[in-house]
């Protein structure tokens, strides 16, 4: 992390996003909470819902987590396939 960079809690970030979604502008939030507009815009983008399937929505963060989990499971499957090949030879 860069020197002097602040860390904000997920609860705080979600509160700012909710305020934006309720009608506050980026400029208002930026001046009121001393945050840059780009920081707020990034939080809004991460929490923007994505329509996944038949009315179900997920956020970009949730989507990225699912992609990571799929990659991990695929890697585990490959390892198990190799292990099955080794044990089948014996």
PDB file of N, CA and C in Angstrom:
ATOM      1  N   UNK A   1       0.836  -1.170   0.000  1.00  0.00           N
ATOM      2  CA  UNK A   1       0.000   0.000   0.000  1.00  0.00           C
ATOM      3  C   UNK A   1       0.887   1.242   0.000  1.00  0.00           C
ATOM      4  N   UNK A   2       0.460   2.285  -0.673  1.00  0.00           N
ATOM      5  CA  UNK A   2       1.223   3.512  -0.770  1.00  0.00           C
ATOM      6  C   UNK A   2       1.255   4.233   0.580  1.00  0.00           C
ATOM      7  N   UNK A   3       2.293   4.963   0.779  1.00  0.00           N
ATOM      8  CA  UNK A   3       2.449   5.695   2.023  1.00  0.00           C
ATOM      9  C   UNK A   3       1.367   6.778   2.125  1.00  0.00           C
ATOM     10  N   UNK A   4       0.739   6.869   3.286  1.00  0.00           N
ATOM     11  CA  UNK A   4      -0.269   7.889   3.511  1.00  0.00           C
ATOM     12  C   UNK A   4      -1.650   7.543   2.991  1.00  0.00           C
ATOM     13  N   UNK A   5      -1.792   6.381   2.383  1.00  0.00           N
ATOM     14  CA  UNK A   5      -3.087   5.980   1.841  1.00  0.00           C
ATOM     15  C   UNK A   5      -3.971   5.443   2.968  1.00  0.00           C
ATOM     16  N   UNK A   6      -5.209   5.899   3.003  1.00  0.00           N
ATOM     17  CA  UNK A   6      -6.123   5.475   4.058  1.00  0.00           C
ATOM     18  C   UNK A   6      -6.820   4.182   3.660  1.00  0.00           C
ATOM     19  N   UNK A   7      -7.163   3.397   4.662  1.00  0.00           N
ATOM     20  CA  UNK A   7      -7.966   2.203   4.447  1.00  0.00           C
ATOM     21  C   UNK A   7      -9.333   2.457   5.048  1.00  0.00           C
ATOM     22  N   UNK A   8     -10.357   2.128   4.299  1.00  0.00           N
ATOM     23  CA  UNK A   8     -11.720   2.325   4.749  1.00  0.00           C
ATOM     24  C   UNK A   8     -12.385   0.973   4.948  1.00  0.00           C
ATOM     25  N   UNK A   9     -13.275   0.891   5.914  1.00  0.00           N
ATOM     26  CA  UNK A   9     -13.976  -0.360   6.167  1.00  0.00           C
ATOM     27  C   UNK A   9     -15.018  -0.586   5.068  1.00  0.00           C
ATOM     28  N   UNK A  10     -15.391  -1.854   4.892  1.00  0.00           N
ATOM     29  CA  UNK A  10     -16.414  -2.194   3.913  1.00  0.00           C
ATOM     30  C   UNK A  10     -17.734  -1.525   4.270  1.00  0.00           C
ATOM     31  N   UNK A  11     -18.005  -1.429   5.567  1.00  0.00           N
ATOM     32  CA  UNK A  11     -19.239  -0.785   6.022  1.00  0.00           C
ATOM     33  C   UNK A  11     -19.281   0.685   5.592  1.00  0.00           C
ATOM     34  N   UNK A  12     -18.155   1.382   5.737  1.00  0.00           N
ATOM     35  CA  UNK A  12     -18.074   2.786   5.331  1.00  0.00           C
ATOM     36  C   UNK A  12     -18.261   2.917   3.830  1.00  0.00           C
ATOM     37  N   UNK A  13     -17.573   2.050   3.072  1.00  0.00           N
ATOM     38  CA  UNK A  13     -17.696   2.090   1.612  1.00  0.00           C
ATOM     39  C   UNK A  13     -19.138   1.856   1.178  1.00  0.00           C
ATOM     40  N   UNK A  14     -19.784   0.869   1.796  1.00  0.00           N
ATOM     41  CA  UNK A  14     -21.177   0.569   1.461  1.00  0.00           C
ATOM     42  C   UNK A  14     -22.097   1.730   1.811  1.00  0.00           C
ATOM     43  N   UNK A  15     -21.808   2.417   2.903  1.00  0.00           N
ATOM     44  CA  UNK A  15     -22.607   3.576   3.291  1.00  0.00           C
ATOM     45  C   UNK A  15     -22.500   4.676   2.250  1.00  0.00           C
ATOM     46  N   UNK A  16     -21.285   4.933   1.779  1.00  0.00           N
ATOM     47  CA  UNK A  16     -21.073   5.959   0.755  1.00  0.00           C
ATOM     48  C   UNK A  16     -21.814   5.585  -0.526  1.00  0.00           C
ATOM     49  N   UNK A  17     -21.739   4.318  -0.925  1.00  0.00           N
ATOM     50  CA  UNK A  17     -22.432   3.858  -2.136  1.00  0.00           C
ATOM     51  C   UNK A  17     -23.942   4.011  -1.969  1.00  0.00           C
ATOM     52  N   UNK A  18     -24.456   3.663  -0.802  1.00  0.00           N
ATOM     53  CA  UNK A  18     -25.891   3.809  -0.545  1.00  0.00           C
ATOM     54  C   UNK A  18     -26.316   5.275  -0.605  1.00  0.00           C
ATOM     55  N   UNK A  19     -25.480   6.156  -0.070  1.00  0.00           N
ATOM     56  CA  UNK A  19     -25.781   7.586  -0.147  1.00  0.00           C
ATOM     57  C   UNK A  19     -25.822   8.054  -1.596  1.00  0.00           C
ATOM     58  N   UNK A  20     -24.882   7.566  -2.394  1.00  0.00           N
ATOM     59  CA  UNK A  20     -24.869   7.918  -3.818  1.00  0.00           C
ATOM     60  C   UNK A  20     -26.131   7.395  -4.504  1.00  0.00           C
ATOM     61  N   UNK A  21     -26.487   6.154  -4.211  1.00  0.00           N
ATOM     62  CA  UNK A  21     -27.671   5.556  -4.832  1.00  0.00           C
ATOM     63  C   UNK A  21     -28.963   6.238  -4.386  1.00  0.00           C
ATOM     64  N   UNK A  22     -28.943   6.877  -3.219  1.00  0.00           N
ATOM     65  CA  UNK A  22     -30.137   7.563  -2.735  1.00  0.00           C
ATOM     66  C   UNK A  22     -30.267   8.979  -3.285  1.00  0.00           C
ATOM     67  N   UNK A  23     -29.302   9.400  -4.106  1.00  0.00           N
ATOM     68  CA  UNK A  23     -29.460  10.693  -4.774  1.00  0.00           C
ATOM     69  C   UNK A  23     -28.368  11.710  -4.547  1.00  0.00           C
ATOM     70  N   UNK A  24     -27.449  11.449  -3.654  1.00  0.00           N
ATOM     71  CA  UNK A  24     -26.346  12.399  -3.450  1.00  0.00           C
ATOM     72  C   UNK A  24     -25.388  12.316  -4.634  1.00  0.00           C
ATOM     73  N   UNK A  25     -24.832  13.456  -5.012  1.00  0.00           N
ATOM     74  CA  UNK A  25     -23.904  13.480  -6.143  1.00  0.00           C
ATOM     75  C   UNK A  25     -22.483  13.139  -5.678  1.00  0.00           C
ATOM     76  N   UNK A  26     -21.641  12.821  -6.650  1.00  0.00           N
ATOM     77  CA  UNK A  26     -20.234  12.546  -6.336  1.00  0.00           C
ATOM     78  C   UNK A  26     -19.584  13.763  -5.687  1.00  0.00           C
ATOM     79  N   UNK A  27     -19.897  14.948  -6.201  1.00  0.00           N
ATOM     80  CA  UNK A  27     -19.294  16.180  -5.673  1.00  0.00           C
ATOM     81  C   UNK A  27     -19.704  16.401  -4.215  1.00  0.00           C
ATOM     82  N   UNK A  28     -20.974  16.167  -3.914  1.00  0.00           N
ATOM     83  CA  UNK A  28     -21.439  16.340  -2.529  1.00  0.00           C
ATOM     84  C   UNK A  28     -20.736  15.369  -1.588  1.00  0.00           C
ATOM     85  N   UNK A  29     -20.689  14.109  -1.980  1.00  0.00           N
ATOM     86  CA  UNK A  29     -20.045  13.100  -1.140  1.00  0.00           C
ATOM     87  C   UNK A  29     -18.562  13.369  -0.993  1.00  0.00           C
ATOM     88  N   UNK A  30     -17.934  13.794  -2.085  1.00  0.00           N
ATOM     89  CA  UNK A  30     -16.502  14.065  -2.075  1.00  0.00           C
ATOM     90  C   UNK A  30     -16.163  15.181  -1.086  1.00  0.00           C
ATOM     91  N   UNK A  31     -16.922  16.252  -1.126  1.00  0.00           N
ATOM     92  CA  UNK A  31     -16.619  17.367  -0.232  1.00  0.00           C
ATOM     93  C   UNK A  31     -17.020  17.071   1.215  1.00  0.00           C
ATOM     94  N   UNK A  32     -18.128  16.365   1.398  1.00  0.00           N
ATOM     95  CA  UNK A  32     -18.610  16.094   2.754  1.00  0.00           C
ATOM     96  C   UNK A  32     -17.709  15.111   3.504  1.00  0.00           C
ATOM     97  N   UNK A  33     -17.210  14.086   2.806  1.00  0.00           N
ATOM     98  CA  UNK A  33     -16.419  13.044   3.471  1.00  0.00           C
ATOM     99  C   UNK A  33     -14.923  13.117   3.153  1.00  0.00           C
ATOM    100  N   UNK A  34     -14.503  14.148   2.440  1.00  0.00           N
ATOM    101  CA  UNK A  34     -13.095  14.360   2.080  1.00  0.00           C
ATOM    102  C   UNK A  34     -12.519  13.149   1.347  1.00  0.00           C
ATOM    103  N   UNK A  35     -13.274  12.687   0.345  1.00  0.00           N
ATOM    104  CA  UNK A  35     -12.841  11.572  -0.498  1.00  0.00           C
ATOM    105  C   UNK A  35     -12.728  12.063  -1.929  1.00  0.00           C
ATOM    106  N   UNK A  36     -11.844  11.444  -2.690  1.00  0.00           N
ATOM    107  CA  UNK A  36     -11.757  11.830  -4.093  1.00  0.00           C
ATOM    108  C   UNK A  36     -12.936  11.234  -4.857  1.00  0.00           C
ATOM    109  N   UNK A  37     -13.312  11.925  -5.919  1.00  0.00           N
ATOM    110  CA  UNK A  37     -14.428  11.447  -6.736  1.00  0.00           C
ATOM    111  C   UNK A  37     -14.102  10.097  -7.364  1.00  0.00           C
ATOM    112  N   UNK A  38     -12.835   9.896  -7.744  1.00  0.00           N
ATOM    113  CA  UNK A  38     -12.456   8.630  -8.372  1.00  0.00           C
ATOM    114  C   UNK A  38     -12.541   7.469  -7.379  1.00  0.00           C
ATOM    115  N   UNK A  39     -12.238   7.728  -6.120  1.00  0.00           N
ATOM    116  CA  UNK A  39     -12.357   6.689  -5.097  1.00  0.00           C
ATOM    117  C   UNK A  39     -13.818   6.268  -4.950  1.00  0.00           C
ATOM    118  N   UNK A  40     -14.684   7.252  -4.847  1.00  0.00           N
ATOM    119  CA  UNK A  40     -16.112   6.962  -4.706  1.00  0.00           C
ATOM    120  C   UNK A  40     -16.633   6.248  -5.946  1.00  0.00           C
ATOM    121  N   UNK A  41     -16.220   6.715  -7.126  1.00  0.00           N
ATOM    122  CA  UNK A  41     -16.663   6.088  -8.377  1.00  0.00           C
ATOM    123  C   UNK A  41     -16.215   4.636  -8.441  1.00  0.00           C
ATOM    124  N   UNK A  42     -15.022   4.341  -7.946  1.00  0.00           N
ATOM    125  CA  UNK A  42     -14.532   2.959  -7.917  1.00  0.00           C
ATOM    126  C   UNK A  42     -15.382   2.082  -7.013  1.00  0.00           C
ATOM    127  N   UNK A  43     -15.755   2.608  -5.858  1.00  0.00           N
ATOM    128  CA  UNK A  43     -16.612   1.848  -4.937  1.00  0.00           C
ATOM    129  C   UNK A  43     -17.984   1.602  -5.551  1.00  0.00           C
ATOM    130  N   UNK A  44     -18.488   2.617  -6.243  1.00  0.00           N
ATOM    131  CA  UNK A  44     -19.803   2.480  -6.885  1.00  0.00           C
ATOM    132  C   UNK A  44     -19.742   1.413  -7.972  1.00  0.00           C
ATOM    133  N   UNK A  45     -18.663   1.430  -8.748  1.00  0.00           N
ATOM    134  CA  UNK A  45     -18.513   0.449  -9.830  1.00  0.00           C
ATOM    135  C   UNK A  45     -18.437  -0.973  -9.267  1.00  0.00           C
ATOM    136  N   UNK A  46     -17.694  -1.153  -8.184  1.00  0.00           N
ATOM    137  CA  UNK A  46     -17.560  -2.480  -7.582  1.00  0.00           C
ATOM    138  C   UNK A  46     -18.874  -2.995  -7.017  1.00  0.00           C
ATOM    139  N   UNK A  47     -19.736  -2.088  -6.596  1.00  0.00           N
ATOM    140  CA  UNK A  47     -21.007  -2.490  -5.992  1.00  0.00           C
ATOM    141  C   UNK A  47     -22.182  -2.407  -6.955  1.00  0.00           C
ATOM    142  N   UNK A  48     -21.886  -2.125  -8.225  1.00  0.00           N
ATOM    143  CA  UNK A  48     -22.959  -2.061  -9.211  1.00  0.00           C
ATOM    144  C   UNK A  48     -23.479  -3.472  -9.466  1.00  0.00           C
ATOM    145  N   UNK A  49     -24.780  -3.678  -9.337  1.00  0.00           N
ATOM    146  CA  UNK A  49     -25.315  -5.029  -9.534  1.00  0.00           C
ATOM    147  C   UNK A  49     -25.232  -5.483 -10.990  1.00  0.00           C
ATOM    148  N   UNK A  50     -24.974  -6.776 -11.169  1.00  0.00           N
ATOM    149  CA  UNK A  50     -24.920  -7.404 -12.485  1.00  0.00           C
ATOM    150  C   UNK A  50     -26.052  -8.413 -12.528  1.00  0.00           C
ATOM    151  N   UNK A  51     -26.885  -8.338 -13.563  1.00  0.00           N
ATOM    152  CA  UNK A  51     -27.973  -9.299 -13.695  1.00  0.00           C
ATOM    153  C   UNK A  51     -27.371 -10.609 -14.170  1.00  0.00           C
ATOM    154  N   UNK A  52     -27.514 -11.649 -13.354  1.00  0.00           N
ATOM    155  CA  UNK A  52     -26.861 -12.918 -13.640  1.00  0.00           C
ATOM    156  C   UNK A  52     -27.801 -13.907 -14.326  1.00  0.00           C
ATOM    157  N   UNK A  53     -28.930 -14.181 -13.701  1.00  0.00           N
ATOM    158  CA  UNK A  53     -29.791 -15.228 -14.222  1.00  0.00           C
ATOM    159  C   UNK A  53     -31.206 -15.062 -13.692  1.00  0.00           C
ATOM    160  N   UNK A  54     -32.147 -14.887 -14.559  1.00  0.00           N
ATOM    161  CA  UNK A  54     -33.572 -14.823 -14.205  1.00  0.00           C
ATOM    162  C   UNK A  54     -33.845 -13.938 -12.988  1.00  0.00           C
ATOM    163  N   UNK A  55     -33.414 -12.703 -13.072  1.00  0.00           N
ATOM    164  CA  UNK A  55     -33.704 -11.765 -12.005  1.00  0.00           C
ATOM    165  C   UNK A  55     -32.711 -11.757 -10.863  1.00  0.00           C
ATOM    166  N   UNK A  56     -31.772 -12.673 -10.826  1.00  0.00           N
ATOM    167  CA  UNK A  56     -30.769 -12.673  -9.770  1.00  0.00           C
ATOM    168  C   UNK A  56     -29.691 -11.658 -10.124  1.00  0.00           C
ATOM    169  N   UNK A  57     -29.271 -10.891  -9.155  1.00  0.00           N
ATOM    170  CA  UNK A  57     -28.214  -9.911  -9.382  1.00  0.00           C
ATOM    171  C   UNK A  57     -27.068 -10.154  -8.411  1.00  0.00           C
ATOM    172  N   UNK A  58     -25.857  -9.876  -8.883  1.00  0.00           N
ATOM    173  CA  UNK A  58     -24.666  -9.961  -8.048  1.00  0.00           C
ATOM    174  C   UNK A  58     -23.812  -8.732  -8.314  1.00  0.00           C
ATOM    175  N   UNK A  59     -22.912  -8.436  -7.406  1.00  0.00           N
ATOM    176  CA  UNK A  59     -22.008  -7.308  -7.613  1.00  0.00           C
ATOM    177  C   UNK A  59     -20.739  -7.803  -8.310  1.00  0.00           C
ATOM    178  N   UNK A  60     -19.958  -6.864  -8.786  1.00  0.00           N
ATOM    179  CA  UNK A  60     -18.703  -7.205  -9.455  1.00  0.00           C
ATOM    180  C   UNK A  60     -17.769  -7.944  -8.505  1.00  0.00           C
ATOM    181  N   UNK A  61     -17.766  -7.552  -7.249  1.00  0.00           N
ATOM    182  CA  UNK A  61     -16.915  -8.213  -6.251  1.00  0.00           C
ATOM    183  C   UNK A  61     -17.322  -9.677  -6.101  1.00  0.00           C
ATOM    184  N   UNK A  62     -18.645  -9.922  -6.022  1.00  0.00           N
ATOM    185  CA  UNK A  62     -19.142 -11.296  -5.911  1.00  0.00           C
ATOM    186  C   UNK A  62     -18.773 -12.099  -7.157  1.00  0.00           C
ATOM    187  N   UNK A  63     -18.895 -11.479  -8.314  1.00  0.00           N
ATOM    188  CA  UNK A  63     -18.573 -12.146  -9.577  1.00  0.00           C
ATOM    189  C   UNK A  63     -17.095 -12.541  -9.614  1.00  0.00           C
ATOM    190  N   UNK A  64     -16.223 -11.644  -9.201  1.00  0.00           N
ATOM    191  CA  UNK A  64     -14.787 -11.944  -9.178  1.00  0.00           C
ATOM    192  C   UNK A  64     -14.491 -13.073  -8.204  1.00  0.00           C
ATOM    193  N   UNK A  65     -15.185 -13.104  -7.070  1.00  0.00           N
ATOM    194  CA  UNK A  65     -14.994 -14.179  -6.091  1.00  0.00           C
ATOM    195  C   UNK A  65     -15.412 -15.523  -6.679  1.00  0.00           C
ATOM    196  N   UNK A  66     -16.500 -15.522  -7.428  1.00  0.00           N
ATOM    197  CA  UNK A  66     -16.961 -16.759  -8.075  1.00  0.00           C
ATOM    198  C   UNK A  66     -15.938 -17.232  -9.109  1.00  0.00           C
ATOM    199  N   UNK A  67     -15.380 -16.310  -9.881  1.00  0.00           N
ATOM    200  CA  UNK A  67     -14.362 -16.688 -10.868  1.00  0.00           C
ATOM    201  C   UNK A  67     -13.145 -17.296 -10.194  1.00  0.00           C
ATOM    202  N   UNK A  68     -12.705 -16.738  -9.065  1.00  0.00           N
ATOM    203  CA  UNK A  68     -11.568 -17.279  -8.327  1.00  0.00           C
ATOM    204  C   UNK A  68     -11.862 -18.691  -7.833  1.00  0.00           C
ATOM    205  N   UNK A  69     -13.087 -18.870  -7.323  1.00  0.00           N
ATOM    206  CA  UNK A  69     -13.473 -20.182  -6.807  1.00  0.00           C
ATOM    207  C   UNK A  69     -13.504 -21.213  -7.932  1.00  0.00           C
ATOM    208  N   UNK A  70     -14.021 -20.835  -9.083  1.00  0.00           N
ATOM    209  CA  UNK A  70     -14.054 -21.749 -10.231  1.00  0.00           C
ATOM    210  C   UNK A  70     -12.647 -22.145 -10.627  1.00  0.00           C
ATOM    211  N   UNK A  71     -11.728 -21.184 -10.687  1.00  0.00           N
ATOM    212  CA  UNK A  71     -10.346 -21.471 -11.057  1.00  0.00           C
ATOM    213  C   UNK A  71      -9.706 -22.433 -10.055  1.00  0.00           C
ATOM    214  N   UNK A  72      -9.969 -22.209  -8.766  1.00  0.00           N
ATOM    215  CA  UNK A  72      -9.410 -23.087  -7.733  1.00  0.00           C
ATOM    216  C   UNK A  72      -9.966 -24.501  -7.866  1.00  0.00           C
ATOM    217  N   UNK A  73     -11.266 -24.616  -8.100  1.00  0.00           N
ATOM    218  CA  UNK A  73     -11.884 -25.932  -8.243  1.00  0.00           C
ATOM    219  C   UNK A  73     -11.377 -26.664  -9.487  1.00  0.00           C
ATOM    220  N   UNK A  74     -11.174 -25.932 -10.577  1.00  0.00           N
ATOM    221  CA  UNK A  74     -10.627 -26.556 -11.788  1.00  0.00           C
ATOM    222  C   UNK A  74      -9.214 -27.078 -11.531  1.00  0.00           C
ATOM    223  N   UNK A  75      -8.423 -26.312 -10.781  1.00  0.00           N
ATOM    224  CA  UNK A  75      -7.063 -26.742 -10.441  1.00  0.00           C
ATOM    225  C   UNK A  75      -7.102 -28.000  -9.576  1.00  0.00           C
ATOM    226  N   UNK A  76      -8.013 -28.031  -8.609  1.00  0.00           N
ATOM    227  CA  UNK A  76      -8.152 -29.212  -7.761  1.00  0.00           C
ATOM    228  C   UNK A  76      -8.561 -30.431  -8.585  1.00  0.00           C
ATOM    229  N   UNK A  77      -9.454 -30.240  -9.545  1.00  0.00           N
ATOM    230  CA  UNK A  77      -9.874 -31.343 -10.418  1.00  0.00           C
ATOM    231  C   UNK A  77      -8.703 -31.909 -11.209  1.00  0.00           C
ATOM    232  N   UNK A  78      -7.854 -31.033 -11.720  1.00  0.00           N
ATOM    233  CA  UNK A  78      -6.683 -31.493 -12.481  1.00  0.00           C
ATOM    234  C   UNK A  78      -5.750 -32.310 -11.592  1.00  0.00           C
ATOM    235  N   UNK A  79      -5.549 -31.853 -10.374  1.00  0.00           N
ATOM    236  CA  UNK A  79      -4.693 -32.584  -9.433  1.00  0.00           C
ATOM    237  C   UNK A  79      -5.281 -33.961  -9.148  1.00  0.00           C
ATOM    238  N   UNK A  80      -6.586 -34.025  -8.926  1.00  0.00           N
ATOM    239  CA  UNK A  80      -7.234 -35.305  -8.650  1.00  0.00           C
ATOM    240  C   UNK A  80      -7.174 -36.246  -9.851  1.00  0.00           C
ATOM    241  N   UNK A  81      -7.311 -35.690 -11.051  1.00  0.00           N
ATOM    242  CA  UNK A  81      -7.203 -36.524 -12.258  1.00  0.00           C
ATOM    243  C   UNK A  81      -5.808 -37.146 -12.363  1.00  0.00           C
ATOM    244  N   UNK A  82      -4.784 -36.361 -12.080  1.00  0.00           N
ATOM    245  CA  UNK A  82      -3.412 -36.873 -12.129  1.00  0.00           C
ATOM    246  C   UNK A  82      -3.216 -37.942 -11.059  1.00  0.00           C
ATOM    247  N   UNK A  83      -3.770 -37.722  -9.877  1.00  0.00           N
ATOM    248  CA  UNK A  83      -3.643 -38.700  -8.799  1.00  0.00           C
ATOM    249  C   UNK A  83      -4.352 -39.999  -9.174  1.00  0.00           C
ATOM    250  N   UNK A  84      -5.512 -39.901  -9.806  1.00  0.00           N
ATOM    251  CA  UNK A  84      -6.229 -41.104 -10.234  1.00  0.00           C
ATOM    252  C   UNK A  84      -5.398 -41.892 -11.248  1.00  0.00           C
ATOM    253  N   UNK A  85      -4.728 -41.191 -12.146  1.00  0.00           N
ATOM    254  CA  UNK A  85      -3.866 -41.847 -13.133  1.00  0.00           C
ATOM    255  C   UNK A  85      -2.716 -42.571 -12.482  1.00  0.00           C
ATOM    256  N   UNK A  86      -2.139 -41.970 -11.466  1.00  0.00           N
ATOM    257  CA  UNK A  86      -1.022 -42.602 -10.758  1.00  0.00           C
ATOM    258  C   UNK A  86      -1.489 -43.860 -10.032  1.00  0.00           C
ATOM    259  N   UNK A  87      -2.612 -43.774  -9.319  1.00  0.00           N
ATOM    260  CA  UNK A  87      -3.112 -44.916  -8.567  1.00  0.00           C
ATOM    261  C   UNK A  87      -3.670 -46.012  -9.479  1.00  0.00           C
ATOM    262  N   UNK A  88      -4.148 -45.651 -10.629  1.00  0.00           N
ATOM    263  CA  UNK A  88      -4.700 -46.655 -11.577  1.00  0.00           C
ATOM    264  C   UNK A  88      -3.583 -47.525 -12.148  1.00  0.00           C
ATOM    265  N   UNK A  89      -2.370 -47.005 -12.252  1.00  0.00           N
ATOM    266  CA  UNK A  89      -1.242 -47.753 -12.788  1.00  0.00           C
ATOM    267  C   UNK A  89      -0.745 -48.813 -11.819  1.00  0.00           C
ATOM    268  N   UNK A  90      -0.964 -48.601 -10.545  1.00  0.00           N
ATOM    269  CA  UNK A  90      -0.414 -49.521  -9.533  1.00  0.00           C
ATOM    270  C   UNK A  90      -1.221 -50.766  -9.411  1.00  0.00           C
TER     271      UNK A  90
END
